[in-house]
């Protein structure tokens, strides 16, 4: 259930829940009391702290993309609509618990049209 993060090359987030679902709580069986199935990280099937570390890695990659795109375009709107839910794991991409609170990536159309420039250098 816990592998050194430096040894991981690929992650399948099923047990930890998808990073864009903004699930930041754990519960036996993966369901918060009164909640829907998969409303929590299943602490019987996985290690909650390790899952949050892996979810944080995904969100850090998204943040790195946003910061690189900002460095290229200076588009301030990339950082608009940030959330503050469990920022140490979600890096501003979640406004609260659950997928409805995921903050989609922002930016002007012209900004997104320049993404290829980051990879052609």
PDB file of N, CA and C in Angstrom:
ATOM      1  N   UNK A   1       0.806  -1.206   0.000  1.00  0.00           N
ATOM      2  CA  UNK A   1       0.000   0.000   0.000  1.00  0.00           C
ATOM      3  C   UNK A   1       0.843   1.262   0.000  1.00  0.00           C
ATOM      4  N   UNK A   2       2.120   1.135   0.382  1.00  0.00           N
ATOM      5  CA  UNK A   2       2.972   2.326   0.426  1.00  0.00           C
ATOM      6  C   UNK A   2       4.291   1.997  -0.255  1.00  0.00           C
ATOM      7  N   UNK A   3       4.514   2.630  -1.378  1.00  0.00           N
ATOM      8  CA  UNK A   3       5.773   2.503  -2.108  1.00  0.00           C
ATOM      9  C   UNK A   3       6.441   3.863  -2.089  1.00  0.00           C
ATOM     10  N   UNK A   4       7.740   3.879  -1.908  1.00  0.00           N
ATOM     11  CA  UNK A   4       8.483   5.136  -1.941  1.00  0.00           C
ATOM     12  C   UNK A   4       8.113   5.891  -3.218  1.00  0.00           C
ATOM     13  N   UNK A   5       7.673   7.118  -3.085  1.00  0.00           N
ATOM     14  CA  UNK A   5       7.197   7.916  -4.211  1.00  0.00           C
ATOM     15  C   UNK A   5       8.277   8.021  -5.293  1.00  0.00           C
ATOM     16  N   UNK A   6       9.529   8.044  -4.911  1.00  0.00           N
ATOM     17  CA  UNK A   6      10.615   8.147  -5.887  1.00  0.00           C
ATOM     18  C   UNK A   6      10.758   6.890  -6.745  1.00  0.00           C
ATOM     19  N   UNK A   7      10.133   5.795  -6.337  1.00  0.00           N
ATOM     20  CA  UNK A   7      10.192   4.554  -7.103  1.00  0.00           C
ATOM     21  C   UNK A   7       8.978   4.357  -8.005  1.00  0.00           C
ATOM     22  N   UNK A   8       8.011   5.259  -7.920  1.00  0.00           N
ATOM     23  CA  UNK A   8       6.770   5.127  -8.690  1.00  0.00           C
ATOM     24  C   UNK A   8       6.935   5.831 -10.032  1.00  0.00           C
ATOM     25  N   UNK A   9       6.571   5.121 -11.101  1.00  0.00           N
ATOM     26  CA  UNK A   9       6.663   5.674 -12.453  1.00  0.00           C
ATOM     27  C   UNK A   9       5.295   5.926 -13.064  1.00  0.00           C
ATOM     28  N   UNK A  10       4.276   5.274 -12.544  1.00  0.00           N
ATOM     29  CA  UNK A  10       2.927   5.410 -13.072  1.00  0.00           C
ATOM     30  C   UNK A  10       1.946   5.168 -11.928  1.00  0.00           C
ATOM     31  N   UNK A  11       0.840   5.886 -11.955  1.00  0.00           N
ATOM     32  CA  UNK A  11      -0.160   5.736 -10.893  1.00  0.00           C
ATOM     33  C   UNK A  11      -1.527   5.500 -11.516  1.00  0.00           C
ATOM     34  N   UNK A  12      -2.212   4.485 -11.024  1.00  0.00           N
ATOM     35  CA  UNK A  12      -3.613   4.251 -11.367  1.00  0.00           C
ATOM     36  C   UNK A  12      -4.393   4.640 -10.105  1.00  0.00           C
ATOM     37  N   UNK A  13      -5.175   5.687 -10.207  1.00  0.00           N
ATOM     38  CA  UNK A  13      -5.751   6.318  -9.026  1.00  0.00           C
ATOM     39  C   UNK A  13      -7.048   5.688  -8.510  1.00  0.00           C
ATOM     40  N   UNK A  14      -7.414   4.503  -8.930  1.00  0.00           N
ATOM     41  CA  UNK A  14      -8.699   3.934  -8.530  1.00  0.00           C
ATOM     42  C   UNK A  14      -8.903   3.937  -7.022  1.00  0.00           C
ATOM     43  N   UNK A  15      -8.000   3.359  -6.263  1.00  0.00           N
ATOM     44  CA  UNK A  15      -8.174   3.291  -4.815  1.00  0.00           C
ATOM     45  C   UNK A  15      -8.049   4.666  -4.165  1.00  0.00           C
ATOM     46  N   UNK A  16      -7.230   5.514  -4.744  1.00  0.00           N
ATOM     47  CA  UNK A  16      -7.011   6.846  -4.167  1.00  0.00           C
ATOM     48  C   UNK A  16      -8.012   7.875  -4.675  1.00  0.00           C
ATOM     49  N   UNK A  17      -8.822   7.516  -5.610  1.00  0.00           N
ATOM     50  CA  UNK A  17      -9.786   8.397  -6.274  1.00  0.00           C
ATOM     51  C   UNK A  17      -9.065   9.321  -7.247  1.00  0.00           C
ATOM     52  N   UNK A  18      -9.760   9.723  -8.270  1.00  0.00           N
ATOM     53  CA  UNK A  18      -9.177  10.579  -9.295  1.00  0.00           C
ATOM     54  C   UNK A  18      -8.864  11.947  -8.700  1.00  0.00           C
ATOM     55  N   UNK A  19      -7.728  12.531  -9.061  1.00  0.00           N
ATOM     56  CA  UNK A  19      -7.325  13.817  -8.476  1.00  0.00           C
ATOM     57  C   UNK A  19      -8.337  14.942  -8.712  1.00  0.00           C
ATOM     58  N   UNK A  20      -9.033  14.909  -9.826  1.00  0.00           N
ATOM     59  CA  UNK A  20     -10.009  15.953 -10.146  1.00  0.00           C
ATOM     60  C   UNK A  20     -11.345  15.739  -9.435  1.00  0.00           C
ATOM     61  N   UNK A  21     -11.443  14.688  -8.647  1.00  0.00           N
ATOM     62  CA  UNK A  21     -12.658  14.479  -7.847  1.00  0.00           C
ATOM     63  C   UNK A  21     -12.578  15.175  -6.499  1.00  0.00           C
ATOM     64  N   UNK A  22     -11.420  15.773  -6.194  1.00  0.00           N
ATOM     65  CA  UNK A  22     -11.247  16.559  -4.961  1.00  0.00           C
ATOM     66  C   UNK A  22     -11.681  15.795  -3.715  1.00  0.00           C
ATOM     67  N   UNK A  23     -11.326  14.525  -3.650  1.00  0.00           N
ATOM     68  CA  UNK A  23     -11.646  13.714  -2.473  1.00  0.00           C
ATOM     69  C   UNK A  23     -10.467  13.815  -1.521  1.00  0.00           C
ATOM     70  N   UNK A  24     -10.698  14.424  -0.384  1.00  0.00           N
ATOM     71  CA  UNK A  24      -9.635  14.646   0.589  1.00  0.00           C
ATOM     72  C   UNK A  24      -9.928  14.055   1.947  1.00  0.00           C
ATOM     73  N   UNK A  25     -10.828  13.086   1.992  1.00  0.00           N
ATOM     74  CA  UNK A  25     -11.160  12.405   3.252  1.00  0.00           C
ATOM     75  C   UNK A  25     -11.070  10.897   3.044  1.00  0.00           C
ATOM     76  N   UNK A  26     -10.811  10.195   4.109  1.00  0.00           N
ATOM     77  CA  UNK A  26     -10.764   8.746   4.066  1.00  0.00           C
ATOM     78  C   UNK A  26     -11.849   8.151   4.932  1.00  0.00           C
ATOM     79  N   UNK A  27     -12.329   6.975   4.552  1.00  0.00           N
ATOM     80  CA  UNK A  27     -13.337   6.268   5.342  1.00  0.00           C
ATOM     81  C   UNK A  27     -13.279   4.783   4.998  1.00  0.00           C
ATOM     82  N   UNK A  28     -13.492   3.944   6.001  1.00  0.00           N
ATOM     83  CA  UNK A  28     -13.561   2.509   5.754  1.00  0.00           C
ATOM     84  C   UNK A  28     -14.657   2.235   4.730  1.00  0.00           C
ATOM     85  N   UNK A  29     -14.314   1.505   3.682  1.00  0.00           N
ATOM     86  CA  UNK A  29     -15.288   1.172   2.639  1.00  0.00           C
ATOM     87  C   UNK A  29     -15.392   2.241   1.561  1.00  0.00           C
ATOM     88  N   UNK A  30     -14.738   3.394   1.728  1.00  0.00           N
ATOM     89  CA  UNK A  30     -14.729   4.427   0.705  1.00  0.00           C
ATOM     90  C   UNK A  30     -15.990   5.254   0.599  1.00  0.00           C
ATOM     91  N   UNK A  31     -16.750   5.301   1.679  1.00  0.00           N
ATOM     92  CA  UNK A  31     -17.994   6.074   1.668  1.00  0.00           C
ATOM     93  C   UNK A  31     -18.110   6.840   2.966  1.00  0.00           C
ATOM     94  N   UNK A  32     -18.258   8.173   2.853  1.00  0.00           N
ATOM     95  CA  UNK A  32     -18.482   8.959   4.060  1.00  0.00           C
ATOM     96  C   UNK A  32     -19.887   8.667   4.575  1.00  0.00           C
ATOM     97  N   UNK A  33     -20.132   8.767   5.874  1.00  0.00           N
ATOM     98  CA  UNK A  33     -21.462   8.490   6.413  1.00  0.00           C
ATOM     99  C   UNK A  33     -22.534   9.306   5.685  1.00  0.00           C
ATOM    100  N   UNK A  34     -23.516   8.604   5.137  1.00  0.00           N
ATOM    101  CA  UNK A  34     -24.604   9.243   4.413  1.00  0.00           C
ATOM    102  C   UNK A  34     -24.241   9.645   2.996  1.00  0.00           C
ATOM    103  N   UNK A  35     -23.012   9.365   2.581  1.00  0.00           N
ATOM    104  CA  UNK A  35     -22.553   9.764   1.253  1.00  0.00           C
ATOM    105  C   UNK A  35     -22.730   8.676   0.214  1.00  0.00           C
ATOM    106  N   UNK A  36     -22.448   9.052  -1.008  1.00  0.00           N
ATOM    107  CA  UNK A  36     -22.511   8.127  -2.129  1.00  0.00           C
ATOM    108  C   UNK A  36     -21.297   7.198  -2.095  1.00  0.00           C
ATOM    109  N   UNK A  37     -21.377   6.072  -2.821  1.00  0.00           N
ATOM    110  CA  UNK A  37     -20.194   5.227  -2.956  1.00  0.00           C
ATOM    111  C   UNK A  37     -19.043   6.045  -3.557  1.00  0.00           C
ATOM    112  N   UNK A  38     -17.835   5.733  -3.169  1.00  0.00           N
ATOM    113  CA  UNK A  38     -16.624   6.413  -3.657  1.00  0.00           C
ATOM    114  C   UNK A  38     -16.586   7.893  -3.261  1.00  0.00           C
ATOM    115  N   UNK A  39     -17.217   8.228  -2.136  1.00  0.00           N
ATOM    116  CA  UNK A  39     -17.191   9.611  -1.657  1.00  0.00           C
ATOM    117  C   UNK A  39     -16.007   9.866  -0.733  1.00  0.00           C
ATOM    118  N   UNK A  40     -15.178   8.846  -0.548  1.00  0.00           N
ATOM    119  CA  UNK A  40     -13.977   8.960   0.291  1.00  0.00           C
ATOM    120  C   UNK A  40     -12.931   7.988  -0.230  1.00  0.00           C
ATOM    121  N   UNK A  41     -11.705   8.187   0.190  1.00  0.00           N
ATOM    122  CA  UNK A  41     -10.653   7.221  -0.101  1.00  0.00           C
ATOM    123  C   UNK A  41     -10.881   6.026   0.825  1.00  0.00           C
ATOM    124  N   UNK A  42     -10.937   4.841   0.255  1.00  0.00           N
ATOM    125  CA  UNK A  42     -11.228   3.639   1.040  1.00  0.00           C
ATOM    126  C   UNK A  42     -10.002   3.257   1.866  1.00  0.00           C
ATOM    127  N   UNK A  43     -10.075   3.499   3.150  1.00  0.00           N
ATOM    128  CA  UNK A  43      -8.946   3.225   4.041  1.00  0.00           C
ATOM    129  C   UNK A  43      -8.756   1.733   4.320  1.00  0.00           C
ATOM    130  N   UNK A  44      -9.699   0.907   3.891  1.00  0.00           N
ATOM    131  CA  UNK A  44      -9.526  -0.539   4.003  1.00  0.00           C
ATOM    132  C   UNK A  44      -8.735  -1.088   2.813  1.00  0.00           C
ATOM    133  N   UNK A  45      -8.750  -0.362   1.705  1.00  0.00           N
ATOM    134  CA  UNK A  45      -8.092  -0.828   0.481  1.00  0.00           C
ATOM    135  C   UNK A  45      -6.795  -0.091   0.181  1.00  0.00           C
ATOM    136  N   UNK A  46      -6.585   1.059   0.818  1.00  0.00           N
ATOM    137  CA  UNK A  46      -5.388   1.842   0.542  1.00  0.00           C
ATOM    138  C   UNK A  46      -4.979   2.679   1.732  1.00  0.00           C
ATOM    139  N   UNK A  47      -3.794   3.229   1.643  1.00  0.00           N
ATOM    140  CA  UNK A  47      -3.257   4.063   2.711  1.00  0.00           C
ATOM    141  C   UNK A  47      -3.621   5.523   2.419  1.00  0.00           C
ATOM    142  N   UNK A  48      -4.413   6.130   3.279  1.00  0.00           N
ATOM    143  CA  UNK A  48      -4.916   7.483   3.045  1.00  0.00           C
ATOM    144  C   UNK A  48      -3.793   8.495   2.845  1.00  0.00           C
ATOM    145  N   UNK A  49      -2.803   8.495   3.717  1.00  0.00           N
ATOM    146  CA  UNK A  49      -1.723   9.480   3.619  1.00  0.00           C
ATOM    147  C   UNK A  49      -0.947   9.318   2.317  1.00  0.00           C
ATOM    148  N   UNK A  50      -0.697   8.078   1.926  1.00  0.00           N
ATOM    149  CA  UNK A  50       0.017   7.825   0.671  1.00  0.00           C
ATOM    150  C   UNK A  50      -0.826   8.287  -0.518  1.00  0.00           C
ATOM    151  N   UNK A  51      -2.119   8.013  -0.465  1.00  0.00           N
ATOM    152  CA  UNK A  51      -3.013   8.479  -1.529  1.00  0.00           C
ATOM    153  C   UNK A  51      -2.961   9.995  -1.652  1.00  0.00           C
ATOM    154  N   UNK A  52      -2.994  10.697  -0.537  1.00  0.00           N
ATOM    155  CA  UNK A  52      -2.963  12.162  -0.585  1.00  0.00           C
ATOM    156  C   UNK A  52      -1.626  12.651  -1.145  1.00  0.00           C
ATOM    157  N   UNK A  53      -0.546  11.936  -0.865  1.00  0.00           N
ATOM    158  CA  UNK A  53       0.755  12.289  -1.447  1.00  0.00           C
ATOM    159  C   UNK A  53       0.715  12.129  -2.961  1.00  0.00           C
ATOM    160  N   UNK A  54       0.147  11.019  -3.441  1.00  0.00           N
ATOM    161  CA  UNK A  54       0.072  10.771  -4.882  1.00  0.00           C
ATOM    162  C   UNK A  54      -0.862  11.770  -5.568  1.00  0.00           C
ATOM    163  N   UNK A  55      -1.961  12.082  -4.943  1.00  0.00           N
ATOM    164  CA  UNK A  55      -2.878  13.084  -5.485  1.00  0.00           C
ATOM    165  C   UNK A  55      -2.169  14.437  -5.547  1.00  0.00           C
ATOM    166  N   UNK A  56      -1.402  14.745  -4.514  1.00  0.00           N
ATOM    167  CA  UNK A  56      -0.634  15.985  -4.503  1.00  0.00           C
ATOM    168  C   UNK A  56       0.364  16.049  -5.642  1.00  0.00           C
ATOM    169  N   UNK A  57       0.980  14.916  -5.988  1.00  0.00           N
ATOM    170  CA  UNK A  57       1.921  14.872  -7.115  1.00  0.00           C
ATOM    171  C   UNK A  57       1.214  15.234  -8.419  1.00  0.00           C
ATOM    172  N   UNK A  58       0.016  14.729  -8.614  1.00  0.00           N
ATOM    173  CA  UNK A  58      -0.751  15.033  -9.830  1.00  0.00           C
ATOM    174  C   UNK A  58      -1.062  16.527  -9.896  1.00  0.00           C
ATOM    175  N   UNK A  59      -1.534  17.067  -8.773  1.00  0.00           N
ATOM    176  CA  UNK A  59      -1.874  18.495  -8.754  1.00  0.00           C
ATOM    177  C   UNK A  59      -0.628  19.367  -8.906  1.00  0.00           C
ATOM    178  N   UNK A  60       0.504  18.915  -8.401  1.00  0.00           N
ATOM    179  CA  UNK A  60       1.750  19.661  -8.572  1.00  0.00           C
ATOM    180  C   UNK A  60       2.142  19.690 -10.048  1.00  0.00           C
ATOM    181  N   UNK A  61       1.916  18.591 -10.768  1.00  0.00           N
ATOM    182  CA  UNK A  61       2.182  18.579 -12.210  1.00  0.00           C
ATOM    183  C   UNK A  61       1.292  19.583 -12.938  1.00  0.00           C
ATOM    184  N   UNK A  62       0.016  19.641 -12.549  1.00  0.00           N
ATOM    185  CA  UNK A  62      -0.874  20.628 -13.163  1.00  0.00           C
ATOM    186  C   UNK A  62      -0.382  22.033 -12.844  1.00  0.00           C
ATOM    187  N   UNK A  63       0.017  22.282 -11.597  1.00  0.00           N
ATOM    188  CA  UNK A  63       0.523  23.596 -11.218  1.00  0.00           C
ATOM    189  C   UNK A  63       1.780  23.946 -12.016  1.00  0.00           C
ATOM    190  N   UNK A  64       2.656  22.981 -12.218  1.00  0.00           N
ATOM    191  CA  UNK A  64       3.854  23.217 -13.023  1.00  0.00           C
ATOM    192  C   UNK A  64       3.480  23.622 -14.446  1.00  0.00           C
ATOM    193  N   UNK A  65       2.464  22.976 -15.013  1.00  0.00           N
ATOM    194  CA  UNK A  65       1.978  23.348 -16.340  1.00  0.00           C
ATOM    195  C   UNK A  65       1.471  24.785 -16.330  1.00  0.00           C
ATOM    196  N   UNK A  66       0.658  25.115 -15.330  1.00  0.00           N
ATOM    197  CA  UNK A  66       0.109  26.473 -15.241  1.00  0.00           C
ATOM    198  C   UNK A  66       1.225  27.511 -15.103  1.00  0.00           C
ATOM    199  N   UNK A  67       2.200  27.220 -14.256  1.00  0.00           N
ATOM    200  CA  UNK A  67       3.295  28.172 -14.052  1.00  0.00           C
ATOM    201  C   UNK A  67       4.146  28.327 -15.310  1.00  0.00           C
ATOM    202  N   UNK A  68       4.378  27.245 -16.030  1.00  0.00           N
ATOM    203  CA  UNK A  68       5.135  27.316 -17.279  1.00  0.00           C
ATOM    204  C   UNK A  68       4.363  28.093 -18.337  1.00  0.00           C
ATOM    205  N   UNK A  69       3.067  27.875 -18.392  1.00  0.00           N
ATOM    206  CA  UNK A  69       2.227  28.588 -19.346  1.00  0.00           C
ATOM    207  C   UNK A  69       2.189  30.079 -19.016  1.00  0.00           C
ATOM    208  N   UNK A  70       2.150  30.379 -17.733  1.00  0.00           N
ATOM    209  CA  UNK A  70       2.182  31.780 -17.317  1.00  0.00           C
ATOM    210  C   UNK A  70       3.524  32.423 -17.696  1.00  0.00           C
ATOM    211  N   UNK A  71       4.613  31.716 -17.469  1.00  0.00           N
ATOM    212  CA  UNK A  71       5.927  32.256 -17.810  1.00  0.00           C
ATOM    213  C   UNK A  71       6.026  32.568 -19.301  1.00  0.00           C
ATOM    214  N   UNK A  72       5.368  31.774 -20.116  1.00  0.00           N
ATOM    215  CA  UNK A  72       5.378  31.975 -21.565  1.00  0.00           C
ATOM    216  C   UNK A  72       4.476  33.122 -21.991  1.00  0.00           C
ATOM    217  N   UNK A  73       3.293  33.237 -21.360  1.00  0.00           N
ATOM    218  CA  UNK A  73       2.260  34.157 -21.860  1.00  0.00           C
ATOM    219  C   UNK A  73       1.986  35.371 -20.977  1.00  0.00           C
ATOM    220  N   UNK A  74       2.357  35.283 -19.705  1.00  0.00           N
ATOM    221  CA  UNK A  74       2.016  36.325 -18.729  1.00  0.00           C
ATOM    222  C   UNK A  74       0.505  36.517 -18.585  1.00  0.00           C
ATOM    223  N   UNK A  75      -0.260  35.491 -18.885  1.00  0.00           N
ATOM    224  CA  UNK A  75      -1.725  35.532 -18.780  1.00  0.00           C
ATOM    225  C   UNK A  75      -2.128  35.330 -17.324  1.00  0.00           C
ATOM    226  N   UNK A  76      -2.499  36.417 -16.650  1.00  0.00           N
ATOM    227  CA  UNK A  76      -2.886  36.380 -15.231  1.00  0.00           C
ATOM    228  C   UNK A  76      -4.128  35.523 -14.987  1.00  0.00           C
ATOM    229  N   UNK A  77      -4.971  35.370 -16.006  1.00  0.00           N
ATOM    230  CA  UNK A  77      -6.223  34.633 -15.808  1.00  0.00           C
ATOM    231  C   UNK A  77      -5.985  33.145 -15.552  1.00  0.00           C
ATOM    232  N   UNK A  78      -4.785  32.653 -15.832  1.00  0.00           N
ATOM    233  CA  UNK A  78      -4.459  31.251 -15.559  1.00  0.00           C
ATOM    234  C   UNK A  78      -4.694  30.928 -14.085  1.00  0.00           C
ATOM    235  N   UNK A  79      -4.435  31.901 -13.216  1.00  0.00           N
ATOM    236  CA  UNK A  79      -4.537  31.673 -11.776  1.00  0.00           C
ATOM    237  C   UNK A  79      -5.851  32.183 -11.176  1.00  0.00           C
ATOM    238  N   UNK A  80      -6.834  32.474 -12.019  1.00  0.00           N
ATOM    239  CA  UNK A  80      -8.133  32.925 -11.500  1.00  0.00           C
ATOM    240  C   UNK A  80      -8.964  31.714 -11.092  1.00  0.00           C
ATOM    241  N   UNK A  81      -9.909  31.943 -10.223  1.00  0.00           N
ATOM    242  CA  UNK A  81     -10.808  30.884  -9.799  1.00  0.00           C
ATOM    243  C   UNK A  81     -10.165  29.820  -8.936  1.00  0.00           C
ATOM    244  N   UNK A  82      -9.125  30.167  -8.212  1.00  0.00           N
ATOM    245  CA  UNK A  82      -8.422  29.202  -7.376  1.00  0.00           C
ATOM    246  C   UNK A  82      -9.262  28.834  -6.151  1.00  0.00           C
ATOM    247  N   UNK A  83      -9.118  27.615  -5.717  1.00  0.00           N
ATOM    248  CA  UNK A  83      -9.769  27.164  -4.489  1.00  0.00           C
ATOM    249  C   UNK A  83      -8.747  27.093  -3.365  1.00  0.00           C
ATOM    250  N   UNK A  84      -9.230  26.950  -2.145  1.00  0.00           N
ATOM    251  CA  UNK A  84      -8.290  26.866  -1.018  1.00  0.00           C
ATOM    252  C   UNK A  84      -8.518  25.617  -0.160  1.00  0.00           C
ATOM    253  N   UNK A  85      -9.163  24.611  -0.738  1.00  0.00           N
ATOM    254  CA  UNK A  85      -9.412  23.369  -0.010  1.00  0.00           C
ATOM    255  C   UNK A  85      -8.152  22.508  -0.011  1.00  0.00           C
ATOM    256  N   UNK A  86      -7.652  22.190   1.170  1.00  0.00           N
ATOM    257  CA  UNK A  86      -6.488  21.322   1.347  1.00  0.00           C
ATOM    258  C   UNK A  86      -5.396  21.654   0.327  1.00  0.00           C
ATOM    259  N   UNK A  87      -4.973  22.918   0.359  1.00  0.00           N
ATOM    260  CA  UNK A  87      -4.013  23.421  -0.627  1.00  0.00           C
ATOM    261  C   UNK A  87      -2.701  22.636  -0.665  1.00  0.00           C
ATOM    262  N   UNK A  88      -2.297  22.029   0.437  1.00  0.00           N
ATOM    263  CA  UNK A  88      -1.056  21.255   0.457  1.00  0.00           C
ATOM    264  C   UNK A  88      -1.156  20.010  -0.418  1.00  0.00           C
ATOM    265  N   UNK A  89      -2.360  19.590  -0.760  1.00  0.00           N
ATOM    266  CA  UNK A  89      -2.559  18.441  -1.652  1.00  0.00           C
ATOM    267  C   UNK A  89      -3.122  18.844  -3.009  1.00  0.00           C
ATOM    268  N   UNK A  90      -4.024  19.822  -3.008  1.00  0.00           N
ATOM    269  CA  UNK A  90      -4.742  20.176  -4.229  1.00  0.00           C
ATOM    270  C   UNK A  90      -4.220  21.447  -4.920  1.00  0.00           C
ATOM    271  N   UNK A  91      -3.294  22.149  -4.288  1.00  0.00           N
ATOM    272  CA  UNK A  91      -2.597  23.294  -4.893  1.00  0.00           C
ATOM    273  C   UNK A  91      -3.532  24.327  -5.530  1.00  0.00           C
ATOM    274  N   UNK A  92      -4.686  24.554  -4.916  1.00  0.00           N
ATOM    275  CA  UNK A  92      -5.605  25.572  -5.418  1.00  0.00           C
ATOM    276  C   UNK A  92      -6.572  25.090  -6.482  1.00  0.00           C
ATOM    277  N   UNK A  93      -6.577  23.794  -6.761  1.00  0.00           N
ATOM    278  CA  UNK A  93      -7.428  23.261  -7.813  1.00  0.00           C
ATOM    279  C   UNK A  93      -8.764  22.737  -7.306  1.00  0.00           C
ATOM    280  N   UNK A  94      -9.000  22.833  -6.001  1.00  0.00           N
ATOM    281  CA  UNK A  94     -10.265  22.384  -5.417  1.00  0.00           C
ATOM    282  C   UNK A  94     -10.786  23.453  -4.454  1.00  0.00           C
ATOM    283  N   UNK A  95     -12.066  23.764  -4.592  1.00  0.00           N
ATOM    284  CA  UNK A  95     -12.703  24.754  -3.721  1.00  0.00           C
ATOM    285  C   UNK A  95     -13.390  24.097  -2.532  1.00  0.00           C
ATOM    286  N   UNK A  96     -13.497  22.779  -2.542  1.00  0.00           N
ATOM    287  CA  UNK A  96     -14.141  22.047  -1.471  1.00  0.00           C
ATOM    288  C   UNK A  96     -14.110  20.563  -1.787  1.00  0.00           C
ATOM    289  N   UNK A  97     -14.741  19.789  -0.949  1.00  0.00           N
ATOM    290  CA  UNK A  97     -14.778  18.337  -1.095  1.00  0.00           C
ATOM    291  C   UNK A  97     -15.701  17.942  -2.247  1.00  0.00           C
ATOM    292  N   UNK A  98     -15.264  17.043  -3.088  1.00  0.00           N
ATOM    293  CA  UNK A  98     -16.094  16.505  -4.167  1.00  0.00           C
ATOM    294  C   UNK A  98     -15.801  17.119  -5.526  1.00  0.00           C
ATOM    295  N   UNK A  99     -16.064  16.334  -6.568  1.00  0.00           N
ATOM    296  CA  UNK A  99     -15.754  16.717  -7.932  1.00  0.00           C
ATOM    297  C   UNK A  99     -16.396  18.010  -8.411  1.00  0.00           C
ATOM    298  N   UNK A 100     -17.560  18.359  -7.876  1.00  0.00           N
ATOM    299  CA  UNK A 100     -18.210  19.616  -8.275  1.00  0.00           C
ATOM    300  C   UNK A 100     -17.377  20.827  -7.855  1.00  0.00           C
ATOM    301  N   UNK A 101     -16.409  20.617  -6.974  1.00  0.00           N
ATOM    302  CA  UNK A 101     -15.567  21.711  -6.476  1.00  0.00           C
ATOM    303  C   UNK A 101     -14.211  21.790  -7.154  1.00  0.00           C
ATOM    304  N   UNK A 102     -14.013  21.001  -8.213  1.00  0.00           N
ATOM    305  CA  UNK A 102     -12.760  21.047  -8.976  1.00  0.00           C
ATOM    306  C   UNK A 102     -12.724  22.333  -9.796  1.00  0.00           C
ATOM    307  N   UNK A 103     -11.620  23.044  -9.728  1.00  0.00           N
ATOM    308  CA  UNK A 103     -11.478  24.261 -10.521  1.00  0.00           C
ATOM    309  C   UNK A 103     -10.720  23.920 -11.801  1.00  0.00           C
ATOM    310  N   UNK A 104     -11.411  24.053 -12.899  1.00  0.00           N
ATOM    311  CA  UNK A 104     -10.815  23.739 -14.195  1.00  0.00           C
ATOM    312  C   UNK A 104      -9.720  24.740 -14.519  1.00  0.00           C
ATOM    313  N   UNK A 105      -8.819  24.321 -15.382  1.00  0.00           N
ATOM    314  CA  UNK A 105      -7.722  25.184 -15.776  1.00  0.00           C
ATOM    315  C   UNK A 105      -8.277  26.408 -16.513  1.00  0.00           C
ATOM    316  N   UNK A 106      -7.704  27.563 -16.217  1.00  0.00           N
ATOM    317  CA  UNK A 106      -8.152  28.824 -16.800  1.00  0.00           C
ATOM    318  C   UNK A 106      -7.105  29.377 -17.751  1.00  0.00           C
ATOM    319  N   UNK A 107      -7.528  30.297 -18.562  1.00  0.00           N
ATOM    320  CA  UNK A 107      -6.625  30.996 -19.468  1.00  0.00           C
ATOM    321  C   UNK A 107      -7.364  31.420 -20.721  1.00  0.00           C
ATOM    322  N   UNK A 108      -6.809  32.394 -21.381  1.00  0.00           N
ATOM    323  CA  UNK A 108      -7.394  32.875 -22.630  1.00  0.00           C
ATOM    324  C   UNK A 108      -7.168  31.836 -23.731  1.00  0.00           C
ATOM    325  N   UNK A 109      -8.030  31.838 -24.725  1.00  0.00           N
ATOM    326  CA  UNK A 109      -7.886  30.919 -25.859  1.00  0.00           C
ATOM    327  C   UNK A 109      -6.494  31.068 -26.478  1.00  0.00           C
ATOM    328  N   UNK A 110      -6.035  32.291 -26.601  1.00  0.00           N
ATOM    329  CA  UNK A 110      -4.713  32.536 -27.192  1.00  0.00           C
ATOM    330  C   UNK A 110      -3.594  31.923 -26.339  1.00  0.00           C
ATOM    331  N   UNK A 111      -3.819  31.833 -25.043  1.00  0.00           N
ATOM    332  CA  UNK A 111      -2.843  31.205 -24.145  1.00  0.00           C
ATOM    333  C   UNK A 111      -2.735  29.716 -24.430  1.00  0.00           C
ATOM    334  N   UNK A 112      -3.870  29.052 -24.513  1.00  0.00           N
ATOM    335  CA  UNK A 112      -3.870  27.609 -24.762  1.00  0.00           C
ATOM    336  C   UNK A 112      -3.320  27.267 -26.146  1.00  0.00           C
ATOM    337  N   UNK A 113      -3.460  28.174 -27.087  1.00  0.00           N
ATOM    338  CA  UNK A 113      -2.927  27.946 -28.425  1.00  0.00           C
ATOM    339  C   UNK A 113      -1.399  27.951 -28.442  1.00  0.00           C
ATOM    340  N   UNK A 114      -0.794  28.395 -27.353  1.00  0.00           N
ATOM    341  CA  UNK A 114       0.669  28.472 -27.284  1.00  0.00           C
ATOM    342  C   UNK A 114       1.302  27.322 -26.489  1.00  0.00           C
ATOM    343  N   UNK A 115       0.507  26.399 -26.005  1.00  0.00           N
ATOM    344  CA  UNK A 115       1.048  25.304 -25.197  1.00  0.00           C
ATOM    345  C   UNK A 115       2.160  24.559 -25.930  1.00  0.00           C
ATOM    346  N   UNK A 116       1.991  24.307 -27.211  1.00  0.00           N
ATOM    347  CA  UNK A 116       3.017  23.561 -27.964  1.00  0.00           C
ATOM    348  C   UNK A 116       4.378  24.239 -27.896  1.00  0.00           C
ATOM    349  N   UNK A 117       4.412  25.552 -27.748  1.00  0.00           N
ATOM    350  CA  UNK A 117       5.688  26.263 -27.670  1.00  0.00           C
ATOM    351  C   UNK A 117       6.518  25.811 -26.469  1.00  0.00           C
ATOM    352  N   UNK A 118       5.860  25.378 -25.413  1.00  0.00           N
ATOM    353  CA  UNK A 118       6.588  24.941 -24.210  1.00  0.00           C
ATOM    354  C   UNK A 118       7.351  23.647 -24.480  1.00  0.00           C
ATOM    355  N   UNK A 119       6.931  22.882 -25.453  1.00  0.00           N
ATOM    356  CA  UNK A 119       7.526  21.573 -25.712  1.00  0.00           C
ATOM    357  C   UNK A 119       8.360  21.534 -26.982  1.00  0.00           C
ATOM    358  N   UNK A 120       8.448  22.643 -27.679  1.00  0.00           N
ATOM    359  CA  UNK A 120       9.202  22.662 -28.923  1.00  0.00           C
ATOM    360  C   UNK A 120      10.563  23.353 -28.750  1.00  0.00           C
ATOM    361  N   UNK A 121      10.932  23.638 -27.527  1.00  0.00           N
ATOM    362  CA  UNK A 121      12.212  24.314 -27.260  1.00  0.00           C
ATOM    363  C   UNK A 121      13.328  23.333 -27.140  1.00  0.00           C
TER     364      UNK A 121
END
